[in-house]
C-alpha atoms as a PDB file:
ATOM      1  CA  MET A   1       0.350  -0.122   0.426  1.00  0.00           C
ATOM      2  CA  SER A   2       1.427   3.349  -1.488  1.00  0.00           C
ATOM      3  CA  ARG A   3       2.242   6.224   1.743  1.00  0.00           C
ATOM      4  CA  PRO A   4      -0.768   8.461  -0.225  1.00  0.00           C
ATOM      5  CA  ASP A   5      -3.084   5.707   0.597  1.00  0.00           C
ATOM      6  CA  ILE A   6      -2.105   4.798   3.725  1.00  0.00           C
ATOM      7  CA  ILE A   7      -2.447   8.211   4.891  1.00  0.00           C
ATOM      8  CA  ARG A   8      -6.039   8.823   2.900  1.00  0.00           C
ATOM      9  CA  ALA A   9      -7.007   5.462   4.814  1.00  0.00           C
ATOM     10  CA  TRP A  10      -6.158   8.004   8.268  1.00  0.00           C
ATOM     11  CA  LYS A  11      -8.288  10.696   7.283  1.00  0.00           C
ATOM     12  CA  ASP A  12     -11.254   9.371   5.092  1.00  0.00           C
ATOM     13  CA  GLU A  13     -13.131   6.882   7.396  1.00  0.00           C
ATOM     14  CA  ASP A  14     -14.907   6.325   4.157  1.00  0.00           C
ATOM     15  CA  TYR A  15     -12.430   5.262   2.427  1.00  0.00           C
ATOM     16  CA  ALA A  16     -10.820   3.114   5.139  1.00  0.00           C
ATOM     17  CA  ASN A  17     -14.012   1.175   5.217  1.00  0.00           C
ATOM     18  CA  SER A  18     -13.864   0.804   1.373  1.00  0.00           C
ATOM     19  CA  LEU A  19     -10.387  -1.442   1.453  1.00  0.00           C
ATOM     20  CA  THR A  20     -10.653  -5.145   1.725  1.00  0.00           C
ATOM     21  CA  ASP A  21      -9.702  -6.572   4.921  1.00  0.00           C
ATOM     22  CA  ALA A  22      -6.272  -7.789   3.730  1.00  0.00           C
ATOM     23  CA  GLU A  23      -5.774  -4.106   3.134  1.00  0.00           C
ATOM     24  CA  ARG A  24      -7.078  -3.091   6.413  1.00  0.00           C
ATOM     25  CA  ALA A  25      -4.687  -5.659   7.603  1.00  0.00           C
ATOM     26  CA  MET A  26      -1.332  -3.713   6.370  1.00  0.00           C
ATOM     27  CA  LEU A  27      -2.602  -0.351   7.205  1.00  0.00           C
ATOM     28  CA  PRO A  28       0.304   0.579  10.167  1.00  0.00           C
ATOM     29  CA  GLN A  29      -1.583   2.298  13.579  1.00  0.00           C
ATOM     30  CA  ASN A  30      -2.028   6.435  12.853  1.00  0.00           C
ATOM     31  CA  PRO A  31       0.679   7.632  14.591  1.00  0.00           C
ATOM     32  CA  ALA A  32      -1.772  10.597  16.168  1.00  0.00           C
ATOM     33  CA  GLY A  33      -4.108   7.338  17.612  1.00  0.00           C
ATOM     34  CA  PHE A  34      -7.326   6.887  17.919  1.00  0.00           C
ATOM     35  CA  VAL A  35      -9.067  10.023  19.616  1.00  0.00           C
ATOM     36  CA  GLU A  36     -13.285   9.795  20.304  1.00  0.00           C
ATOM     37  CA  LEU A  37     -14.890  12.337  22.798  1.00  0.00           C
ATOM     38  CA  ALA A  38     -18.142  11.748  24.608  1.00  0.00           C
ATOM     39  CA  ASP A  39     -20.641  14.432  23.214  1.00  0.00           C
ATOM     40  CA  GLU A  40     -20.184  16.307  26.663  1.00  0.00           C
ATOM     41  CA  ASP A  41     -16.780  16.724  26.151  1.00  0.00           C
ATOM     42  CA  MET A  42     -17.360  17.936  22.722  1.00  0.00           C
ATOM     43  CA  ALA A  43     -19.881  20.638  24.039  1.00  0.00           C
ATOM     44  CA  GLN A  44     -16.801  21.818  26.270  1.00  0.00           C
ATOM     45  CA  ALA A  45     -14.239  22.356  23.635  1.00  0.00           C
ATOM     46  CA  ALA A  46     -13.139  24.929  22.434  1.00  0.00           C
ATOM     47  CA  GLY A  47     -15.404  26.809  18.925  1.00  0.00           C
ATOM     48  CA  GLY A  48     -17.811  24.380  20.476  1.00  0.00           C
ATOM     49  CA  THR A  49     -20.456  27.012  21.429  1.00  0.00           C
ATOM     50  CA  ILE A  50     -21.226  29.659  19.444  1.00  0.00           C
ATOM     51  CA  LEU A  51     -20.688  32.803  21.484  1.00  0.00           C
ATOM     52  CA  THR A  52     -22.668  35.782  21.903  1.00  0.00           C
ATOM     53  CA  LEU A  53     -22.064  39.691  21.852  1.00  0.00           C
ATOM     54  CA  GLY A  54     -23.064  39.915  25.838  1.00  0.00           C
ATOM     55  CA  LEU A  55     -20.758  36.779  26.588  1.00  0.00           C
ATOM     56  CA  ILE A  56     -17.662  37.822  24.200  1.00  0.00           C
ATOM     57  CA  CYS A  57     -18.059  40.995  26.562  1.00  0.00           C
ATOM     58  CA  SER A  58     -18.427  39.178  30.025  1.00  0.00           C
ATOM     59  CA  LEU A  59     -15.622  36.890  29.099  1.00  0.00           C
ATOM     60  CA  ALA A  60     -13.455  40.240  27.832  1.00  0.00           C
ATOM     61  CA  LEU A  61     -11.421  42.006  30.335  1.00  0.00           C
ATOM     62  CA  SER A  62     -13.118  45.055  28.861  1.00  0.00           C
ATOM     63  CA  CYS A  63     -15.572  45.184  26.251  1.00  0.00           C
ATOM     64  CA  ILE A  64     -16.195  48.457  23.549  1.00  0.00           C
ATOM     65  CA  THR A  65     -19.211  49.368  22.876  1.00  0.00           C
ATOM     66  CA  PHE A  66     -20.419  50.860  19.471  1.00  0.00           C
END
């Protein structure tokens, strides 16, 4: 299996699932490992919340109003 195919399989779950059992067996372990976060953890992740102007102002050291 070529290096680009290995990287694509690591990044693209649909592509990885399209591989035969033998091809998947040849894939080396992804160096980043496997990470699965619970929904509760995802909700707390940066970017997981839409900030309103009021919340932004309360989080900032100073709030500039226009």
